């Protein structure tokens, strides 16, 4: 991936776009994306479904790996999500790349409400391919 492609980091997954995920900011191995929790994202109590939070956190961490610059393809090898409290409204996932090796990348993230409460934390390991290897 060249520098122009790094500058134009964007959410490309149809699934993520359908959920309303938005790229807010990125730089220095960090990415922030956000989503408004809608009724279709909610559980029976009206809170964000855990799957939506997991997808938001996973996507933010995956983008942090992509932002590293030389990753052609990646897949989530391991994802751990810790749900801290119920979430509603606008949720932002803040991800940071911890280490990117030859074949594995390690990330951490947390999700916050618009009132800055942490609602979930996550860590992930991504399997990565460089130089066109899929």
N, C-alpha and C. Protein backbone atom coordinates (compact mmCIF):
# COMPACT_ATOMS: atom_id res chain seq x y z
N UNK A 1 0.86 -1.17 0.00
CA UNK A 1 0.00 0.00 0.00
C UNK A 1 0.90 1.23 0.00
N UNK A 2 0.66 2.17 -0.91
CA UNK A 2 1.50 3.36 -0.95
C UNK A 2 0.93 4.47 -0.07
N UNK A 3 1.66 5.58 0.04
CA UNK A 3 1.27 6.66 0.95
C UNK A 3 -0.08 7.27 0.57
N UNK A 4 -0.40 7.38 -0.75
CA UNK A 4 -1.69 7.92 -1.16
C UNK A 4 -2.83 7.04 -0.67
N UNK A 5 -2.63 5.71 -0.72
CA UNK A 5 -3.67 4.80 -0.24
C UNK A 5 -3.83 4.89 1.26
N UNK A 6 -2.73 5.10 1.99
CA UNK A 6 -2.82 5.26 3.44
C UNK A 6 -3.62 6.51 3.77
N UNK A 7 -3.36 7.61 3.06
CA UNK A 7 -4.08 8.85 3.30
C UNK A 7 -5.58 8.69 3.05
N UNK A 8 -5.95 7.83 2.13
CA UNK A 8 -7.36 7.68 1.78
C UNK A 8 -8.01 6.49 2.49
N UNK A 9 -7.57 6.19 3.69
CA UNK A 9 -8.17 5.11 4.48
C UNK A 9 -9.68 5.34 4.56
N UNK A 10 -10.44 4.29 4.33
CA UNK A 10 -11.89 4.41 4.41
C UNK A 10 -12.52 3.07 4.76
N UNK A 11 -13.74 3.13 5.22
CA UNK A 11 -14.51 1.92 5.48
C UNK A 11 -15.07 1.45 4.15
N UNK A 12 -14.74 0.22 3.76
CA UNK A 12 -15.16 -0.30 2.46
C UNK A 12 -16.16 -1.45 2.58
N UNK A 13 -16.22 -2.10 3.70
CA UNK A 13 -17.11 -3.25 3.88
C UNK A 13 -18.57 -2.84 3.77
N UNK A 14 -19.30 -3.53 2.91
CA UNK A 14 -20.73 -3.26 2.75
C UNK A 14 -21.47 -3.47 4.08
N UNK A 15 -21.07 -4.51 4.82
CA UNK A 15 -21.69 -4.78 6.11
C UNK A 15 -21.54 -3.57 7.03
N UNK A 16 -20.33 -3.05 7.12
CA UNK A 16 -20.07 -1.90 8.01
C UNK A 16 -20.79 -0.65 7.54
N UNK A 17 -20.80 -0.43 6.25
CA UNK A 17 -21.51 0.73 5.70
C UNK A 17 -23.01 0.60 5.96
N UNK A 18 -23.56 -0.61 5.83
CA UNK A 18 -24.98 -0.83 6.11
C UNK A 18 -25.33 -0.55 7.58
N UNK A 19 -24.36 -0.76 8.47
CA UNK A 19 -24.58 -0.51 9.90
C UNK A 19 -24.44 0.97 10.24
N UNK A 20 -23.94 1.76 9.30
CA UNK A 20 -23.78 3.19 9.54
C UNK A 20 -22.44 3.55 10.17
N UNK A 21 -21.45 2.66 10.09
CA UNK A 21 -20.13 2.96 10.65
C UNK A 21 -19.50 4.11 9.86
N UNK A 22 -18.92 5.07 10.56
CA UNK A 22 -18.27 6.23 9.95
C UNK A 22 -16.83 6.34 10.45
N UNK A 23 -15.92 6.63 9.54
CA UNK A 23 -14.53 6.89 9.92
C UNK A 23 -14.45 8.33 10.40
N UNK A 24 -14.01 8.52 11.63
CA UNK A 24 -13.92 9.85 12.23
C UNK A 24 -12.52 10.43 12.10
N UNK A 25 -11.51 9.63 12.47
CA UNK A 25 -10.13 10.12 12.38
C UNK A 25 -9.16 8.95 12.35
N UNK A 26 -7.95 9.23 11.88
CA UNK A 26 -6.88 8.23 11.90
C UNK A 26 -5.54 8.92 11.80
N UNK A 27 -4.52 8.25 12.33
CA UNK A 27 -3.15 8.74 12.30
C UNK A 27 -2.35 8.15 13.43
N UNK A 28 -1.05 8.00 13.20
CA UNK A 28 -0.13 7.49 14.22
C UNK A 28 -0.57 6.14 14.80
N UNK A 29 -1.07 5.25 13.94
CA UNK A 29 -1.48 3.92 14.38
C UNK A 29 -2.78 3.89 15.16
N UNK A 30 -3.52 4.99 15.12
CA UNK A 30 -4.79 5.06 15.85
C UNK A 30 -5.92 5.36 14.86
N UNK A 31 -7.10 4.81 15.16
CA UNK A 31 -8.28 5.02 14.33
C UNK A 31 -9.48 5.21 15.25
N UNK A 32 -10.37 6.12 14.86
CA UNK A 32 -11.65 6.29 15.57
C UNK A 32 -12.76 6.17 14.53
N UNK A 33 -13.70 5.27 14.80
CA UNK A 33 -14.90 5.16 13.98
C UNK A 33 -16.10 5.25 14.91
N UNK A 34 -17.27 5.57 14.36
CA UNK A 34 -18.46 5.74 15.20
C UNK A 34 -19.71 5.21 14.50
N UNK A 35 -20.74 5.03 15.31
CA UNK A 35 -22.02 4.51 14.82
C UNK A 35 -23.11 5.01 15.76
N UNK A 36 -24.24 5.39 15.18
CA UNK A 36 -25.42 5.73 15.97
C UNK A 36 -26.19 4.45 16.21
N UNK A 37 -26.46 4.12 17.48
CA UNK A 37 -27.21 2.90 17.79
C UNK A 37 -28.68 3.15 17.45
N UNK A 38 -29.15 2.43 16.45
CA UNK A 38 -30.52 2.55 15.96
C UNK A 38 -31.35 1.38 16.50
N UNK A 39 -32.67 1.44 16.38
CA UNK A 39 -33.49 0.32 16.85
C UNK A 39 -33.05 -1.03 16.25
N UNK A 40 -32.62 -1.06 15.01
CA UNK A 40 -32.19 -2.33 14.39
C UNK A 40 -30.90 -2.87 15.00
N UNK A 41 -30.15 -2.02 15.73
CA UNK A 41 -28.92 -2.43 16.40
C UNK A 41 -29.15 -2.84 17.84
N UNK A 42 -30.38 -2.74 18.31
CA UNK A 42 -30.66 -2.87 19.74
C UNK A 42 -31.16 -4.25 20.12
N UNK A 43 -30.90 -4.59 21.39
CA UNK A 43 -31.45 -5.82 21.94
C UNK A 43 -32.85 -5.52 22.47
N UNK A 44 -33.46 -6.47 23.16
CA UNK A 44 -34.83 -6.30 23.64
C UNK A 44 -34.95 -5.23 24.73
N UNK A 45 -33.85 -4.83 25.33
CA UNK A 45 -33.85 -3.78 26.36
C UNK A 45 -33.59 -2.39 25.78
N UNK A 46 -33.35 -2.33 24.47
CA UNK A 46 -33.09 -1.04 23.83
C UNK A 46 -31.63 -0.62 23.85
N UNK A 47 -30.76 -1.49 24.34
CA UNK A 47 -29.33 -1.21 24.36
C UNK A 47 -28.67 -1.77 23.10
N UNK A 48 -27.50 -1.27 22.79
CA UNK A 48 -26.76 -1.78 21.63
C UNK A 48 -26.53 -3.28 21.79
N UNK A 49 -26.84 -4.03 20.76
CA UNK A 49 -26.58 -5.47 20.74
C UNK A 49 -25.06 -5.67 20.81
N UNK A 50 -24.63 -6.66 21.55
CA UNK A 50 -23.19 -6.93 21.69
C UNK A 50 -22.49 -7.16 20.37
N UNK A 51 -23.20 -7.73 19.41
CA UNK A 51 -22.61 -7.98 18.10
C UNK A 51 -22.26 -6.69 17.36
N UNK A 52 -23.08 -5.65 17.56
CA UNK A 52 -22.79 -4.35 16.93
C UNK A 52 -21.53 -3.75 17.54
N UNK A 53 -21.42 -3.82 18.86
CA UNK A 53 -20.21 -3.30 19.52
C UNK A 53 -18.98 -4.09 19.08
N UNK A 54 -19.10 -5.41 19.02
CA UNK A 54 -17.97 -6.24 18.58
C UNK A 54 -17.55 -5.89 17.16
N UNK A 55 -18.52 -5.72 16.28
CA UNK A 55 -18.21 -5.37 14.89
C UNK A 55 -17.56 -4.00 14.80
N UNK A 56 -18.05 -3.04 15.57
CA UNK A 56 -17.48 -1.69 15.57
C UNK A 56 -16.03 -1.72 16.05
N UNK A 57 -15.77 -2.42 17.14
CA UNK A 57 -14.41 -2.52 17.68
C UNK A 57 -13.49 -3.27 16.73
N UNK A 58 -13.95 -4.38 16.18
CA UNK A 58 -13.16 -5.17 15.24
C UNK A 58 -12.81 -4.36 14.00
N UNK A 59 -13.78 -3.62 13.48
CA UNK A 59 -13.55 -2.80 12.29
C UNK A 59 -12.53 -1.69 12.58
N UNK A 60 -12.65 -1.05 13.73
CA UNK A 60 -11.70 0.01 14.08
C UNK A 60 -10.28 -0.55 14.17
N UNK A 61 -10.14 -1.71 14.80
CA UNK A 61 -8.80 -2.30 14.92
C UNK A 61 -8.27 -2.75 13.57
N UNK A 62 -9.13 -3.31 12.73
CA UNK A 62 -8.71 -3.71 11.39
C UNK A 62 -8.23 -2.52 10.58
N UNK A 63 -8.92 -1.38 10.70
CA UNK A 63 -8.49 -0.17 10.01
C UNK A 63 -7.16 0.33 10.55
N UNK A 64 -6.94 0.19 11.85
CA UNK A 64 -5.65 0.60 12.43
C UNK A 64 -4.51 -0.23 11.82
N UNK A 65 -4.77 -1.53 11.60
CA UNK A 65 -3.76 -2.38 10.96
C UNK A 65 -3.55 -1.95 9.52
N UNK A 66 -4.64 -1.72 8.79
CA UNK A 66 -4.52 -1.28 7.39
C UNK A 66 -3.75 0.03 7.28
N UNK A 67 -3.96 0.91 8.25
CA UNK A 67 -3.28 2.22 8.23
C UNK A 67 -1.77 2.08 8.36
N UNK A 68 -1.31 0.95 8.88
CA UNK A 68 0.13 0.70 9.02
C UNK A 68 0.84 0.88 7.69
N UNK A 69 0.15 0.57 6.59
CA UNK A 69 0.68 0.93 5.29
C UNK A 69 1.10 -0.16 4.36
N UNK A 70 1.65 -1.25 4.86
CA UNK A 70 2.17 -2.27 3.94
C UNK A 70 1.36 -3.57 3.99
N UNK A 71 0.17 -3.51 4.56
CA UNK A 71 -0.69 -4.69 4.68
C UNK A 71 -1.61 -4.75 3.47
N UNK A 72 -1.53 -5.85 2.73
CA UNK A 72 -2.37 -6.04 1.55
C UNK A 72 -3.72 -6.66 1.91
N UNK A 73 -3.71 -7.60 2.85
CA UNK A 73 -4.92 -8.31 3.22
C UNK A 73 -4.82 -8.69 4.69
N UNK A 74 -5.96 -8.79 5.37
CA UNK A 74 -5.93 -9.20 6.78
C UNK A 74 -7.23 -9.89 7.14
N UNK A 75 -7.16 -10.67 8.20
CA UNK A 75 -8.33 -11.33 8.75
C UNK A 75 -8.20 -11.40 10.26
N UNK A 76 -9.31 -11.30 10.95
CA UNK A 76 -9.30 -11.39 12.40
C UNK A 76 -9.02 -12.83 12.81
N UNK A 77 -7.92 -13.05 13.52
CA UNK A 77 -7.58 -14.38 14.00
C UNK A 77 -8.16 -14.60 15.40
N UNK A 78 -8.20 -13.54 16.19
CA UNK A 78 -8.70 -13.63 17.55
C UNK A 78 -9.29 -12.29 17.95
N UNK A 79 -10.47 -12.31 18.57
CA UNK A 79 -11.12 -11.09 19.03
C UNK A 79 -11.69 -11.33 20.42
N UNK A 80 -11.30 -10.50 21.37
CA UNK A 80 -11.83 -10.58 22.73
C UNK A 80 -12.51 -9.25 23.04
N UNK A 81 -13.77 -9.32 23.44
CA UNK A 81 -14.52 -8.12 23.78
C UNK A 81 -14.99 -8.25 25.22
N UNK A 82 -14.79 -7.19 25.99
CA UNK A 82 -15.27 -7.12 27.37
C UNK A 82 -16.36 -6.05 27.42
N UNK A 83 -17.57 -6.47 27.73
CA UNK A 83 -18.70 -5.54 27.80
C UNK A 83 -18.78 -5.00 29.22
N UNK A 84 -18.71 -3.68 29.36
CA UNK A 84 -18.63 -3.06 30.68
C UNK A 84 -19.97 -2.53 31.16
N UNK A 85 -20.71 -1.88 30.27
CA UNK A 85 -22.03 -1.35 30.63
C UNK A 85 -22.89 -1.24 29.38
N UNK A 86 -24.20 -1.15 29.53
CA UNK A 86 -25.08 -1.01 28.37
C UNK A 86 -24.76 0.28 27.60
N UNK A 87 -24.98 0.24 26.29
CA UNK A 87 -24.67 1.38 25.43
C UNK A 87 -25.89 1.77 24.62
N UNK A 88 -26.07 3.08 24.48
CA UNK A 88 -27.13 3.65 23.65
C UNK A 88 -26.58 4.90 22.98
N UNK A 89 -27.28 5.37 21.97
CA UNK A 89 -26.89 6.62 21.31
C UNK A 89 -25.68 6.43 20.40
N UNK A 90 -24.86 7.47 20.32
CA UNK A 90 -23.69 7.43 19.45
C UNK A 90 -22.53 6.77 20.20
N UNK A 91 -21.92 5.77 19.55
CA UNK A 91 -20.80 5.03 20.13
C UNK A 91 -19.58 5.22 19.23
N UNK A 92 -18.45 5.54 19.83
CA UNK A 92 -17.20 5.68 19.08
C UNK A 92 -16.22 4.63 19.54
N UNK A 93 -15.59 3.96 18.58
CA UNK A 93 -14.55 2.96 18.88
C UNK A 93 -13.19 3.59 18.60
N UNK A 94 -12.33 3.55 19.60
CA UNK A 94 -10.97 4.11 19.52
C UNK A 94 -10.00 2.94 19.51
N UNK A 95 -9.30 2.75 18.40
CA UNK A 95 -8.40 1.60 18.25
C UNK A 95 -6.96 2.06 18.09
N UNK A 96 -6.05 1.22 18.58
CA UNK A 96 -4.63 1.51 18.38
C UNK A 96 -3.88 0.23 18.05
N UNK A 97 -2.98 0.36 17.11
CA UNK A 97 -2.11 -0.73 16.70
C UNK A 97 -0.99 -0.84 17.72
N UNK A 98 -0.84 -2.01 18.33
CA UNK A 98 0.21 -2.21 19.34
C UNK A 98 1.51 -2.72 18.71
N UNK A 99 1.36 -3.65 17.77
CA UNK A 99 2.53 -4.21 17.08
C UNK A 99 2.08 -4.84 15.78
N UNK A 100 2.87 -4.62 14.74
CA UNK A 100 2.58 -5.23 13.45
C UNK A 100 3.85 -5.95 12.99
N UNK A 101 3.80 -7.28 13.03
CA UNK A 101 4.94 -8.09 12.62
C UNK A 101 4.80 -8.52 11.16
N UNK A 102 5.52 -9.56 10.82
CA UNK A 102 5.51 -10.05 9.43
C UNK A 102 4.18 -10.70 9.06
N UNK A 103 3.59 -11.46 9.99
CA UNK A 103 2.35 -12.18 9.69
C UNK A 103 1.21 -11.92 10.68
N UNK A 104 1.50 -11.29 11.80
CA UNK A 104 0.48 -11.01 12.81
C UNK A 104 0.53 -9.55 13.25
N UNK A 105 -0.65 -9.00 13.54
CA UNK A 105 -0.75 -7.64 14.08
C UNK A 105 -1.61 -7.71 15.35
N UNK A 106 -1.25 -6.88 16.31
CA UNK A 106 -1.92 -6.87 17.62
C UNK A 106 -2.49 -5.48 17.88
N UNK A 107 -3.77 -5.44 18.28
CA UNK A 107 -4.45 -4.17 18.50
C UNK A 107 -5.23 -4.18 19.81
N UNK A 108 -5.53 -2.97 20.28
CA UNK A 108 -6.42 -2.77 21.42
C UNK A 108 -7.41 -1.69 21.06
N UNK A 109 -8.58 -1.73 21.70
CA UNK A 109 -9.60 -0.72 21.42
C UNK A 109 -10.54 -0.58 22.61
N UNK A 110 -11.25 0.52 22.61
CA UNK A 110 -12.34 0.71 23.57
C UNK A 110 -13.46 1.48 22.88
N UNK A 111 -14.67 1.28 23.36
CA UNK A 111 -15.84 1.99 22.82
C UNK A 111 -16.36 2.93 23.89
N UNK A 112 -16.69 4.15 23.46
CA UNK A 112 -17.17 5.19 24.37
C UNK A 112 -18.50 5.76 23.88
N UNK A 113 -19.31 6.17 24.83
CA UNK A 113 -20.55 6.87 24.50
C UNK A 113 -20.23 8.34 24.22
N UNK A 114 -21.24 9.09 23.77
CA UNK A 114 -21.03 10.52 23.54
C UNK A 114 -20.77 11.27 24.84
N UNK A 115 -21.14 10.68 25.99
CA UNK A 115 -20.83 11.29 27.29
C UNK A 115 -19.50 10.78 27.84
N UNK A 116 -18.71 10.12 26.99
CA UNK A 116 -17.34 9.68 27.27
C UNK A 116 -17.24 8.50 28.25
N UNK A 117 -18.33 7.76 28.42
CA UNK A 117 -18.28 6.55 29.25
C UNK A 117 -17.75 5.38 28.42
N UNK A 118 -16.82 4.63 28.98
CA UNK A 118 -16.35 3.42 28.29
C UNK A 118 -17.40 2.33 28.48
N UNK A 119 -17.86 1.76 27.36
CA UNK A 119 -18.88 0.72 27.42
C UNK A 119 -18.33 -0.66 27.09
N UNK A 120 -17.17 -0.70 26.42
CA UNK A 120 -16.56 -1.99 26.08
C UNK A 120 -15.09 -1.78 25.77
N UNK A 121 -14.31 -2.83 26.00
CA UNK A 121 -12.90 -2.84 25.60
C UNK A 121 -12.68 -4.08 24.75
N UNK A 122 -11.61 -4.05 23.97
CA UNK A 122 -11.34 -5.20 23.10
C UNK A 122 -9.86 -5.31 22.80
N UNK A 123 -9.46 -6.52 22.44
CA UNK A 123 -8.13 -6.75 21.90
C UNK A 123 -8.29 -7.75 20.77
N UNK A 124 -7.38 -7.66 19.80
CA UNK A 124 -7.49 -8.55 18.64
C UNK A 124 -6.11 -8.87 18.09
N UNK A 125 -6.04 -10.03 17.47
CA UNK A 125 -4.87 -10.43 16.70
C UNK A 125 -5.36 -10.62 15.27
N UNK A 126 -4.64 -10.04 14.33
CA UNK A 126 -4.99 -10.15 12.92
C UNK A 126 -3.89 -10.92 12.19
N UNK A 127 -4.32 -11.80 11.32
CA UNK A 127 -3.41 -12.47 10.40
C UNK A 127 -3.28 -11.55 9.20
N UNK A 128 -2.05 -11.23 8.81
CA UNK A 128 -1.86 -10.28 7.74
C UNK A 128 -1.02 -10.88 6.60
N UNK A 129 -1.28 -10.34 5.41
CA UNK A 129 -0.49 -10.71 4.23
C UNK A 129 0.10 -9.42 3.67
N UNK A 130 1.36 -9.50 3.31
CA UNK A 130 2.05 -8.36 2.72
C UNK A 130 2.43 -8.71 1.29
N UNK A 131 2.76 -7.72 0.51
CA UNK A 131 3.30 -7.91 -0.83
C UNK A 131 2.40 -8.75 -1.73
N UNK A 132 1.11 -8.56 -1.63
CA UNK A 132 0.19 -9.24 -2.54
C UNK A 132 -0.16 -10.67 -2.18
N UNK A 133 0.41 -11.24 -1.10
CA UNK A 133 0.03 -12.60 -0.69
C UNK A 133 -1.34 -12.55 -0.06
N UNK A 134 -2.23 -13.43 -0.47
CA UNK A 134 -3.60 -13.44 0.05
C UNK A 134 -3.78 -14.54 1.07
